[in-house]
Amino acid sequence: MEVDELEDIEATAVVDARGSACPGPLLEAKKGMGTVSVGEVVEIRSSDPGSRGDIPVWANKVGHEFLGALTADEGYDRIFVRRGK
C-alpha cells in the first residue's frame, strides 16, 4: 500500500507496544489480533526496530495480511495487519 493509503486506514484495534523490546511487540500483536474479526485491521505501534521485519514475517506465516508500515512523527513505527483467519 502507498503511504497515503496507510495513513487513511481506520484500524479496528490499536496495540501500543512502544517501549517494549523484542519479542514484546510481536506477542502484543498476537494478542491484539485475537480481539478483532476476520478482515479487520490491527495497528501495532512499536519503538523496537525489529518489529518492522518480525511482524510481516509472522503475519504471512500465520495467514494474516501485512498491509505496510509508517514511521510516526514521534519516531515509532505504525504497522498495519489485516486478520486473515
N, C-alpha and C. Protein backbone atom coordinates (compact mmCIF):
# COMPACT_ATOMS: atom_id res chain seq x y z
N MET A 1 0.84 -1.20 0.00
CA MET A 1 0.00 0.00 0.00
C MET A 1 0.87 1.25 0.00
N GLU A 2 0.34 2.30 -0.56
CA GLU A 2 1.04 3.58 -0.56
C GLU A 2 0.92 4.24 0.81
N VAL A 3 1.83 5.16 1.10
CA VAL A 3 1.84 5.84 2.40
C VAL A 3 0.51 6.53 2.69
N ASP A 4 -0.05 7.23 1.70
CA ASP A 4 -1.32 7.94 1.95
C ASP A 4 -2.46 6.97 2.20
N GLU A 5 -2.41 5.78 1.58
CA GLU A 5 -3.44 4.76 1.84
C GLU A 5 -3.31 4.24 3.27
N LEU A 6 -2.09 4.03 3.73
CA LEU A 6 -1.87 3.56 5.11
C LEU A 6 -2.35 4.61 6.11
N GLU A 7 -2.08 5.87 5.83
CA GLU A 7 -2.49 6.94 6.74
C GLU A 7 -4.00 7.02 6.87
N ASP A 8 -4.72 6.57 5.84
CA ASP A 8 -6.19 6.64 5.84
C ASP A 8 -6.86 5.43 6.50
N ILE A 9 -6.08 4.41 6.85
CA ILE A 9 -6.66 3.19 7.43
C ILE A 9 -7.24 3.50 8.81
N GLU A 10 -8.47 3.03 9.02
CA GLU A 10 -9.12 3.11 10.33
C GLU A 10 -8.99 1.74 10.97
N ALA A 11 -7.99 1.57 11.82
CA ALA A 11 -7.77 0.28 12.47
C ALA A 11 -8.89 -0.01 13.46
N THR A 12 -9.31 -1.27 13.51
CA THR A 12 -10.33 -1.70 14.47
C THR A 12 -9.74 -1.71 15.87
N ALA A 13 -8.46 -2.09 15.98
CA ALA A 13 -7.78 -2.13 17.28
C ALA A 13 -6.39 -1.56 17.13
N VAL A 14 -5.91 -0.89 18.17
CA VAL A 14 -4.56 -0.35 18.21
C VAL A 14 -3.84 -1.02 19.36
N VAL A 15 -2.69 -1.62 19.06
CA VAL A 15 -1.86 -2.26 20.07
C VAL A 15 -0.67 -1.34 20.30
N ASP A 16 -0.55 -0.82 21.51
CA ASP A 16 0.56 0.09 21.82
C ASP A 16 1.67 -0.69 22.52
N ALA A 17 2.68 -1.08 21.74
CA ALA A 17 3.81 -1.84 22.27
C ALA A 17 5.06 -0.97 22.34
N ARG A 18 4.89 0.35 22.31
CA ARG A 18 6.05 1.24 22.39
C ARG A 18 6.75 1.04 23.73
N GLY A 19 8.07 1.02 23.70
CA GLY A 19 8.84 0.82 24.91
C GLY A 19 9.10 -0.64 25.23
N SER A 20 8.48 -1.55 24.49
CA SER A 20 8.64 -2.98 24.70
C SER A 20 9.72 -3.50 23.75
N ALA A 21 10.65 -4.29 24.28
CA ALA A 21 11.71 -4.85 23.44
C ALA A 21 11.27 -6.20 22.88
N CYS A 22 11.93 -6.61 21.82
CA CYS A 22 11.67 -7.90 21.19
C CYS A 22 11.75 -9.01 22.23
N PRO A 23 10.80 -9.92 22.27
CA PRO A 23 9.71 -10.17 21.34
C PRO A 23 8.39 -9.53 21.78
N GLY A 24 8.43 -8.58 22.69
CA GLY A 24 7.22 -7.95 23.22
C GLY A 24 6.22 -7.46 22.19
N PRO A 25 6.66 -6.64 21.22
CA PRO A 25 5.69 -6.14 20.23
C PRO A 25 5.00 -7.26 19.43
N LEU A 26 5.74 -8.31 19.12
CA LEU A 26 5.13 -9.43 18.39
C LEU A 26 4.11 -10.15 19.26
N LEU A 27 4.43 -10.36 20.52
CA LEU A 27 3.48 -11.01 21.43
C LEU A 27 2.23 -10.15 21.61
N GLU A 28 2.41 -8.84 21.70
CA GLU A 28 1.26 -7.93 21.81
C GLU A 28 0.43 -7.94 20.53
N ALA A 29 1.10 -8.04 19.37
CA ALA A 29 0.38 -8.11 18.09
C ALA A 29 -0.49 -9.37 18.05
N LYS A 30 0.05 -10.49 18.52
CA LYS A 30 -0.71 -11.75 18.53
C LYS A 30 -1.95 -11.60 19.41
N LYS A 31 -1.78 -10.99 20.58
CA LYS A 31 -2.92 -10.79 21.48
C LYS A 31 -3.96 -9.88 20.83
N GLY A 32 -3.49 -8.78 20.23
CA GLY A 32 -4.39 -7.82 19.58
C GLY A 32 -5.17 -8.43 18.44
N MET A 33 -4.54 -9.34 17.70
CA MET A 33 -5.20 -9.98 16.57
C MET A 33 -6.39 -10.81 17.06
N GLY A 34 -6.28 -11.34 18.27
CA GLY A 34 -7.36 -12.13 18.82
C GLY A 34 -8.58 -11.32 19.23
N THR A 35 -8.47 -10.01 19.21
CA THR A 35 -9.58 -9.14 19.63
C THR A 35 -10.41 -8.63 18.46
N VAL A 36 -9.99 -8.94 17.22
CA VAL A 36 -10.72 -8.43 16.06
C VAL A 36 -11.24 -9.59 15.21
N SER A 37 -12.18 -9.29 14.36
CA SER A 37 -12.77 -10.29 13.47
C SER A 37 -11.96 -10.41 12.18
N VAL A 38 -12.17 -11.52 11.48
CA VAL A 38 -11.51 -11.72 10.19
C VAL A 38 -11.84 -10.54 9.27
N GLY A 39 -10.83 -10.01 8.61
CA GLY A 39 -10.99 -8.88 7.70
C GLY A 39 -10.74 -7.52 8.34
N GLU A 40 -10.70 -7.48 9.66
CA GLU A 40 -10.45 -6.21 10.35
C GLU A 40 -8.95 -5.97 10.49
N VAL A 41 -8.60 -4.71 10.75
CA VAL A 41 -7.19 -4.30 10.78
C VAL A 41 -6.76 -3.95 12.19
N VAL A 42 -5.55 -4.41 12.52
CA VAL A 42 -4.90 -4.06 13.78
C VAL A 42 -3.70 -3.17 13.45
N GLU A 43 -3.57 -2.08 14.19
CA GLU A 43 -2.39 -1.22 14.07
C GLU A 43 -1.51 -1.51 15.28
N ILE A 44 -0.26 -1.89 15.03
CA ILE A 44 0.70 -2.14 16.10
C ILE A 44 1.66 -0.95 16.13
N ARG A 45 1.76 -0.33 17.30
CA ARG A 45 2.70 0.78 17.47
C ARG A 45 3.90 0.26 18.23
N SER A 46 5.08 0.41 17.64
CA SER A 46 6.29 -0.16 18.23
C SER A 46 7.48 0.76 18.06
N SER A 47 8.29 0.85 19.12
CA SER A 47 9.54 1.61 19.05
C SER A 47 10.73 0.67 18.86
N ASP A 48 10.48 -0.64 18.78
CA ASP A 48 11.53 -1.63 18.57
C ASP A 48 11.76 -1.78 17.06
N PRO A 49 12.97 -1.45 16.57
CA PRO A 49 13.21 -1.51 15.12
C PRO A 49 13.03 -2.89 14.52
N GLY A 50 13.15 -3.95 15.30
CA GLY A 50 12.99 -5.31 14.78
C GLY A 50 11.57 -5.63 14.38
N SER A 51 10.62 -4.86 14.91
CA SER A 51 9.20 -5.14 14.61
C SER A 51 8.88 -5.00 13.14
N ARG A 52 9.55 -4.10 12.44
CA ARG A 52 9.28 -3.90 11.01
C ARG A 52 9.57 -5.14 10.19
N GLY A 53 10.49 -5.97 10.68
CA GLY A 53 10.79 -7.22 9.99
C GLY A 53 10.05 -8.41 10.56
N ASP A 54 9.93 -8.44 11.89
CA ASP A 54 9.33 -9.60 12.57
C ASP A 54 7.83 -9.73 12.31
N ILE A 55 7.11 -8.63 12.41
CA ILE A 55 5.65 -8.70 12.31
C ILE A 55 5.18 -9.11 10.91
N PRO A 56 5.77 -8.58 9.82
CA PRO A 56 5.33 -9.05 8.49
C PRO A 56 5.59 -10.55 8.28
N VAL A 57 6.73 -11.04 8.77
CA VAL A 57 7.05 -12.47 8.63
C VAL A 57 6.02 -13.30 9.38
N TRP A 58 5.74 -12.91 10.62
CA TRP A 58 4.74 -13.63 11.42
C TRP A 58 3.37 -13.58 10.75
N ALA A 59 2.96 -12.39 10.30
CA ALA A 59 1.63 -12.24 9.68
C ALA A 59 1.47 -13.18 8.49
N ASN A 60 2.45 -13.18 7.61
CA ASN A 60 2.36 -14.03 6.42
C ASN A 60 2.40 -15.51 6.79
N LYS A 61 3.17 -15.85 7.80
CA LYS A 61 3.30 -17.25 8.23
C LYS A 61 1.99 -17.82 8.77
N VAL A 62 1.23 -16.98 9.49
CA VAL A 62 0.00 -17.48 10.12
C VAL A 62 -1.27 -17.15 9.34
N GLY A 63 -1.15 -16.52 8.18
CA GLY A 63 -2.31 -16.30 7.33
C GLY A 63 -2.96 -14.94 7.43
N HIS A 64 -2.27 -13.97 8.02
CA HIS A 64 -2.79 -12.60 8.05
C HIS A 64 -2.15 -11.81 6.90
N GLU A 65 -2.66 -10.63 6.63
CA GLU A 65 -2.14 -9.80 5.54
C GLU A 65 -1.42 -8.59 6.11
N PHE A 66 -0.11 -8.52 5.88
CA PHE A 66 0.68 -7.35 6.25
C PHE A 66 0.37 -6.26 5.23
N LEU A 67 -0.14 -5.12 5.70
CA LEU A 67 -0.53 -4.04 4.80
C LEU A 67 0.58 -3.02 4.58
N GLY A 68 1.44 -2.85 5.59
CA GLY A 68 2.53 -1.90 5.46
C GLY A 68 2.85 -1.25 6.79
N ALA A 69 3.85 -0.36 6.76
CA ALA A 69 4.28 0.31 7.98
C ALA A 69 4.62 1.77 7.68
N LEU A 70 4.37 2.60 8.66
CA LEU A 70 4.70 4.03 8.60
C LEU A 70 5.54 4.37 9.81
N THR A 71 6.35 5.42 9.69
CA THR A 71 7.04 5.95 10.87
C THR A 71 6.31 7.21 11.29
N ALA A 72 5.82 7.21 12.53
CA ALA A 72 5.10 8.37 13.06
C ALA A 72 6.07 9.51 13.31
N ASP A 73 5.55 10.73 13.36
CA ASP A 73 6.39 11.90 13.62
C ASP A 73 7.15 11.77 14.93
N GLU A 74 6.57 11.05 15.89
CA GLU A 74 7.20 10.88 17.19
C GLU A 74 8.31 9.82 17.18
N GLY A 75 8.53 9.15 16.03
CA GLY A 75 9.65 8.24 15.89
C GLY A 75 9.35 6.77 16.07
N TYR A 76 8.12 6.39 16.33
CA TYR A 76 7.78 4.97 16.45
C TYR A 76 7.15 4.48 15.15
N ASP A 77 7.12 3.16 14.98
CA ASP A 77 6.52 2.56 13.79
C ASP A 77 5.05 2.26 14.01
N ARG A 78 4.26 2.47 12.97
CA ARG A 78 2.85 2.09 12.93
C ARG A 78 2.74 0.99 11.88
N ILE A 79 2.45 -0.23 12.34
CA ILE A 79 2.44 -1.41 11.48
C ILE A 79 1.00 -1.90 11.36
N PHE A 80 0.55 -2.13 10.14
CA PHE A 80 -0.84 -2.48 9.89
C PHE A 80 -0.97 -3.90 9.37
N VAL A 81 -1.82 -4.69 10.03
CA VAL A 81 -2.04 -6.09 9.65
C VAL A 81 -3.55 -6.35 9.63
N ARG A 82 -4.01 -6.99 8.54
CA ARG A 82 -5.43 -7.38 8.43
C ARG A 82 -5.53 -8.85 8.82
N ARG A 83 -6.48 -9.14 9.72
CA ARG A 83 -6.69 -10.51 10.18
C ARG A 83 -7.19 -11.38 9.03
N GLY A 84 -6.52 -12.49 8.81
CA GLY A 84 -6.87 -13.36 7.70
C GLY A 84 -7.67 -14.59 8.09
N LYS A 85 -7.57 -15.01 9.35
CA LYS A 85 -8.32 -16.21 9.74
C LYS A 85 -8.55 -16.21 11.23
